[in-house]
Structure formats: C-alpha cells, structure tokens
Amino acid sequence: MQNNSKKWFVLTSIGEILFFLLLWQVLSITSWFPTYVSSPVEIFSRIGEMFADGSIYPHVGISLYRTILGFLLVVLIGTVLGMLAGFFKPIGNFFDPLISFFNPIPKIALLPVFLVWFGVTDVTRILIIFTSAFFPCFIATLDGVRNINKLYLWSAENMGASKFKMLWRIILPAALPKIFDGWRVALALTFVMMFSSEMIGTSTGHGLGFMILNADSYGRVDIVLAGVFIIALLGFIFDRLLILLRNRVLWWSER
C-alpha cells in the first residue's frame, strides 16, 4: 500500500511539471508571453548545447563547490552548537539573545563587511552562504534537543550515563527528525545565497550566478532561464538525496 502511494506521488509530481511546461510552451507559441521570454523548447535546447560544448561545466562545478562547502560547514557547526545549546542551559542562555538579535538581519547586508575583510574571493561567498543557512540549522537542532522527553534523560542519568553518552546515544537520535528538517531549510538557502554571492565581482569568473548576470547584460534571456533551471534542478536533486538519507537513517521513525 505504501509503495503504491509513493508511485502515485511520483507520477503526480511528474505530471504537474510536464503540464506546467506544456502550458508555458503553448502560451509562448500563441504569443501570450512577450517574445523575449524564451519557451521551454528553446531553454532546453540551450541547455543541451551548453552541456555538449562543455561551457556549462566550470560554472556548475564552482557553484556546487561553494554550495556544498557552505552547507557542510552549516551542518557541522550549526548542529554541534545547537545540540550543546539545547543540552547545556548556560550555553543556551548565552546563544538565545544572539540568535534573536542576528537572525532577522538580511545576511546579504553583511556582504560589504565581508568584501572589506576578505575581498572578492570564495571566502566571502562561502561566508555569505554559511551565515544565511546557519540559523535554520541551529534553531531546528536547538528545538529538537529541548523537546526530547525528559524521561529518557532521567533514565540515562539513573543508569550512570555520562554527558557524552547521553548526547551521542539519546539526544542525537531523538533530535534527528527535527535536525533533518533544519538541514533541508538550510540546503535550500545555500542554493539561494550561492546565486546572490556569485553576483559580486562579475567582470571575470565562473559560477551559475555569474553566468546568469553576464547573459542578462547581453540580453540572452534563454541563457538566463537556462541557468535558473539548472539551479532549480541541482537544488531538487540534492534535496531528494537529503530526503533519501533521512529515510535511511530514520527508518524507525516511519514505524
């Protein structure tokens, strides 16, 4: 029954995407869209050409490098600090006002500061990605730890478990569903901020953000939309991979 439900979900999702693309193509043919808005056929044709001549690979490669590195830093630092802040009350009290103060700040507003400190480098771009995605990861982990049933912790203490064992054997597994939710939000933000960060220093360079902005300056809407589609596709693939990892790690949660 569950397999049939998953197959139906996949088929429905594919059908929705195909219907959207077909409607877009029909509206382009019938001139409901402006002539400068490329149709799906033109966009996919351009994507095929870029993959065939190899011009897209440097842009995809450097963008994935910045995105994945930023995401891994978020997962490592945000998850560890979130667990410590949720488990140890003094650490949580230290971070609570800082998170409440800095979280609402648009992280792209920090870009001039990072540019002064680090210049137009990958360090600046990765820092922007990291600061944007850190807060959802940290907050989700913090909430996951604080919402654990206290009976689990009391039982472990009565059996003589050390703080480290409680963190590793009880708190981490119990908080993982919430942690994965934070990771998914953080992953989406890394792709959003990857594009924003690559729009700086665009006279020369590589990256999907650079490619899109450069194409826009020449009026190549087909390349702009092709770049947007590739970013969306990469984000979708990595989100599905994260969900697959979640289902493998949290196989017990479905039961």
Protein backbone atom coordinates (compact mmCIF):
# COMPACT_ATOMS: atom_id res chain seq x y z
CA MET A 1 0.00 0.00 0.00
CA GLN A 2 2.83 2.37 0.91
CA ASN A 3 4.71 1.61 -2.34
CA ASN A 4 1.59 2.38 -4.38
CA SER A 5 1.21 5.68 -2.55
CA LYS A 6 4.83 6.63 -3.34
CA LYS A 7 4.43 5.68 -7.01
CA TRP A 8 1.27 7.76 -7.24
CA PHE A 9 3.08 10.72 -5.66
CA VAL A 10 5.96 10.43 -8.16
CA LEU A 11 3.62 10.16 -11.14
CA THR A 12 1.55 13.11 -9.93
CA SER A 13 4.67 15.24 -9.43
CA ILE A 14 5.97 14.44 -12.91
CA GLY A 15 2.54 15.15 -14.39
CA GLU A 16 2.38 18.55 -12.71
CA ILE A 17 5.80 19.56 -14.04
CA LEU A 18 5.01 18.36 -17.57
CA PHE A 19 1.66 20.18 -17.53
CA PHE A 20 3.38 23.41 -16.43
CA LEU A 21 6.00 23.13 -19.19
CA LEU A 22 3.36 22.28 -21.80
CA LEU A 23 1.23 25.26 -20.76
CA TRP A 24 4.31 27.51 -20.92
CA GLN A 25 5.13 26.23 -24.41
CA VAL A 26 1.57 26.76 -25.65
CA LEU A 27 1.42 30.30 -24.26
CA SER A 28 4.78 31.07 -25.93
CA ILE A 29 3.60 29.76 -29.29
CA THR A 30 0.34 31.73 -29.10
CA SER A 31 2.26 34.92 -28.17
CA TRP A 32 0.66 35.25 -24.75
CA PHE A 33 4.19 35.71 -23.39
CA PRO A 34 6.49 38.51 -24.61
CA THR A 35 8.80 37.45 -27.42
CA TYR A 36 11.89 37.90 -25.28
CA VAL A 37 10.67 35.21 -22.81
CA SER A 38 12.11 32.00 -24.21
CA SER A 39 9.94 28.91 -24.49
CA PRO A 40 10.82 25.62 -22.73
CA VAL A 41 11.96 24.13 -26.05
CA GLU A 42 14.41 27.00 -26.57
CA ILE A 43 15.66 26.79 -22.98
CA PHE A 44 16.24 23.01 -23.07
CA SER A 45 17.89 23.37 -26.46
CA ARG A 46 20.28 25.95 -25.00
CA ILE A 47 21.00 23.70 -22.00
CA GLY A 48 21.78 20.82 -24.34
CA GLU A 49 24.17 22.99 -26.33
CA MET A 50 25.98 24.17 -23.19
CA PHE A 51 26.45 20.61 -21.96
CA ALA A 52 27.50 19.46 -25.43
CA ASP A 53 30.22 22.11 -25.85
CA GLY A 54 31.26 21.86 -22.18
CA SER A 55 30.80 25.56 -21.42
CA ILE A 56 28.44 24.87 -18.51
CA TYR A 57 30.69 22.51 -16.54
CA PRO A 58 33.04 25.13 -15.00
CA HIS A 59 30.02 27.15 -13.83
CA VAL A 60 28.24 24.15 -12.32
CA GLY A 61 31.43 22.85 -10.73
CA ILE A 62 32.41 26.04 -8.91
CA SER A 63 28.82 26.74 -7.84
CA LEU A 64 28.46 23.25 -6.36
CA TYR A 65 31.82 23.64 -4.62
CA ARG A 66 30.68 26.85 -2.90
CA THR A 67 27.24 25.48 -2.08
CA ILE A 68 28.32 22.10 -0.73
CA LEU A 69 31.20 23.52 1.30
CA GLY A 70 28.93 26.14 2.83
CA PHE A 71 26.27 23.52 3.59
CA LEU A 72 28.76 21.12 5.20
CA LEU A 73 30.05 23.92 7.44
CA VAL A 74 26.47 24.70 8.44
CA VAL A 75 25.74 21.04 9.19
CA LEU A 76 28.88 20.65 11.27
CA ILE A 77 28.89 23.92 13.22
CA GLY A 78 25.15 24.58 13.39
CA THR A 79 24.25 21.08 14.53
CA VAL A 80 27.00 20.81 17.15
CA LEU A 81 26.30 24.26 18.63
CA GLY A 82 22.55 23.62 18.54
CA MET A 83 22.94 20.36 20.46
CA LEU A 84 25.21 21.94 23.05
CA ALA A 85 22.91 24.95 23.46
CA GLY A 86 19.89 22.70 23.85
CA PHE A 87 21.52 20.32 26.34
CA PHE A 88 23.58 22.71 28.46
CA LYS A 89 21.42 25.52 29.82
CA PRO A 90 24.26 28.09 30.30
CA ILE A 91 25.28 27.67 26.64
CA GLY A 92 21.66 28.01 25.57
CA ASN A 93 21.25 31.18 27.65
CA PHE A 94 24.38 32.59 26.02
CA PHE A 95 23.16 31.96 22.45
CA ASP A 96 19.45 32.85 22.85
CA PRO A 97 19.83 36.66 22.74
CA LEU A 98 22.47 36.48 20.00
CA ILE A 99 20.26 34.33 17.77
CA SER A 100 17.23 36.54 18.40
CA PHE A 101 19.27 39.63 17.50
CA PHE A 102 21.16 38.43 14.42
CA ASN A 103 18.61 36.08 12.84
CA PRO A 104 16.28 38.82 11.45
CA ILE A 105 19.19 40.64 9.77
CA PRO A 106 19.25 40.14 5.97
CA LYS A 107 22.53 38.27 5.59
CA ILE A 108 23.22 39.83 2.21
CA ALA A 109 23.59 43.13 4.15
CA LEU A 110 26.80 41.71 5.59
CA LEU A 111 28.29 41.41 2.12
CA PRO A 112 30.05 44.83 2.18
CA VAL A 113 31.69 43.91 5.50
CA PHE A 114 32.94 40.57 4.17
CA LEU A 115 34.17 42.28 0.99
CA VAL A 116 36.26 44.70 3.04
CA TRP A 117 37.71 41.89 5.14
CA PHE A 118 38.26 39.17 2.54
CA GLY A 119 37.88 40.86 -0.86
CA VAL A 120 36.10 39.37 -3.86
CA THR A 121 37.05 35.79 -3.04
CA ASP A 122 35.39 32.45 -2.41
CA VAL A 123 35.85 33.07 1.32
CA THR A 124 33.39 35.97 1.07
CA ARG A 125 30.91 33.94 -0.96
CA ILE A 126 31.04 30.91 1.33
CA LEU A 127 30.68 33.11 4.43
CA ILE A 128 27.52 34.67 3.00
CA ILE A 129 26.15 31.18 2.27
CA PHE A 130 27.12 29.97 5.75
CA THR A 131 25.66 32.91 7.70
CA SER A 132 22.35 32.63 5.81
CA ALA A 133 21.90 28.89 6.31
CA PHE A 134 23.33 28.63 9.82
CA PHE A 135 20.34 29.96 11.74
CA PRO A 136 17.65 27.48 10.50
CA CYS A 137 20.00 24.59 11.24
CA PHE A 138 20.92 25.87 14.70
CA ILE A 139 17.34 26.72 15.71
CA ALA A 140 15.90 23.42 14.48
CA THR A 141 18.58 21.46 16.34
CA LEU A 142 18.06 23.52 19.49
CA ASP A 143 14.29 22.91 19.42
CA GLY A 144 14.80 19.22 18.71
CA VAL A 145 17.03 18.80 21.75
CA ARG A 146 14.83 20.84 24.09
CA ASN A 147 11.69 18.91 23.11
CA ILE A 148 13.13 15.48 23.96
CA ASN A 149 11.13 13.56 26.54
CA LYS A 150 12.86 14.22 29.85
CA LEU A 151 12.17 10.65 30.98
CA TYR A 152 14.85 9.46 28.54
CA LEU A 153 17.43 11.75 30.12
CA TRP A 154 16.45 10.93 33.69
CA SER A 155 16.62 7.22 32.96
CA ALA A 156 20.08 7.59 31.45
CA GLU A 157 21.30 9.60 34.44
CA ASN A 158 19.98 6.98 36.86
CA MET A 159 21.90 4.30 34.96
CA GLY A 160 25.11 6.29 35.26
CA ALA A 161 25.43 7.51 31.66
CA SER A 162 28.00 10.24 31.10
CA LYS A 163 27.12 13.54 29.44
CA PHE A 164 28.88 12.44 26.25
CA LYS A 165 26.95 9.15 26.11
CA MET A 166 23.68 10.98 26.67
CA LEU A 167 24.49 13.35 23.79
CA TRP A 168 25.56 10.56 21.43
CA ARG A 169 23.19 7.71 22.36
CA ILE A 170 20.00 9.53 23.38
CA ILE A 171 19.86 13.20 22.42
CA LEU A 172 21.22 12.93 18.87
CA PRO A 173 18.91 10.06 17.75
CA ALA A 174 15.86 11.64 19.41
CA ALA A 175 16.53 15.07 17.87
CA LEU A 176 17.46 13.81 14.38
CA PRO A 177 13.98 14.25 12.82
CA LYS A 178 14.00 17.92 13.76
CA ILE A 179 17.67 18.25 12.76
CA PHE A 180 16.94 16.93 9.27
CA ASP A 181 14.14 19.48 8.91
CA GLY A 182 16.64 22.22 9.69
CA TRP A 183 19.11 20.75 7.20
CA ARG A 184 16.51 20.84 4.42
CA VAL A 185 15.76 24.51 5.02
CA ALA A 186 19.48 25.28 5.23
CA LEU A 187 20.16 23.39 1.99
CA ALA A 188 17.60 25.46 0.09
CA LEU A 189 19.11 28.67 1.47
CA THR A 190 22.61 27.65 0.38
CA PHE A 191 21.45 27.50 -3.25
CA VAL A 192 19.64 30.83 -2.94
CA MET A 193 22.66 32.56 -1.45
CA MET A 194 25.04 30.83 -3.85
CA PHE A 195 23.39 32.76 -6.68
CA SER A 196 23.42 36.04 -4.74
CA SER A 197 27.06 35.67 -3.71
CA GLU A 198 28.19 34.95 -7.28
CA MET A 199 26.79 38.27 -8.49
CA ILE A 200 29.74 40.11 -6.94
CA GLY A 201 32.91 40.70 -8.91
CA THR A 202 31.37 39.53 -12.18
CA SER A 203 33.79 41.03 -14.69
CA THR A 204 35.50 37.66 -14.88
CA GLY A 205 34.75 34.44 -13.13
CA HIS A 206 32.78 31.23 -13.05
CA GLY A 207 29.56 30.19 -11.39
CA LEU A 208 25.92 29.93 -12.36
CA GLY A 209 25.18 33.32 -10.78
CA PHE A 210 27.97 34.91 -12.83
CA MET A 211 26.71 33.18 -15.98
CA ILE A 212 23.14 34.42 -15.44
CA LEU A 213 24.16 38.02 -14.72
CA ASN A 214 26.57 38.06 -17.65
CA ALA A 215 23.90 36.70 -20.00
CA ASP A 216 21.40 39.28 -18.75
CA SER A 217 23.80 42.09 -19.63
CA TYR A 218 23.78 40.83 -23.24
CA GLY A 219 20.02 40.29 -23.34
CA ARG A 220 20.31 36.49 -23.58
CA VAL A 221 17.12 35.54 -21.78
CA ASP A 222 17.43 31.93 -22.95
CA ILE A 223 20.74 31.54 -21.10
CA VAL A 224 19.34 33.36 -18.05
CA LEU A 225 16.38 30.98 -17.81
CA ALA A 226 18.62 28.01 -18.58
CA GLY A 227 20.83 28.96 -15.61
CA VAL A 228 17.79 29.38 -13.37
CA PHE A 229 16.51 25.95 -14.43
CA ILE A 230 19.88 24.32 -13.73
CA ILE A 231 20.00 25.86 -10.24
CA ALA A 232 16.46 24.60 -9.57
CA LEU A 233 17.37 21.14 -10.86
CA LEU A 234 20.51 20.93 -8.72
CA GLY A 235 18.57 22.08 -5.66
CA PHE A 236 15.89 19.48 -6.34
CA ILE A 237 18.45 16.68 -6.76
CA PHE A 238 20.28 17.48 -3.54
CA ASP A 239 17.01 17.88 -1.63
CA ARG A 240 15.92 14.41 -2.83
CA LEU A 241 19.31 12.99 -1.81
CA LEU A 242 18.91 14.52 1.66
CA ILE A 243 15.43 13.03 1.97
CA LEU A 244 16.80 9.64 0.88
CA LEU A 245 19.49 9.91 3.56
CA ARG A 246 16.86 10.87 6.10
CA ASN A 247 14.71 7.85 5.25
CA ARG A 248 17.71 5.55 5.56
CA VAL A 249 18.90 6.99 8.86
CA LEU A 250 15.43 7.43 10.40
CA TRP A 251 13.95 4.15 9.17
CA TRP A 252 12.44 3.69 12.64
CA SER A 253 10.52 6.98 12.55
CA GLU A 254 8.02 5.66 9.96
CA ARG A 255 7.27 2.71 12.24
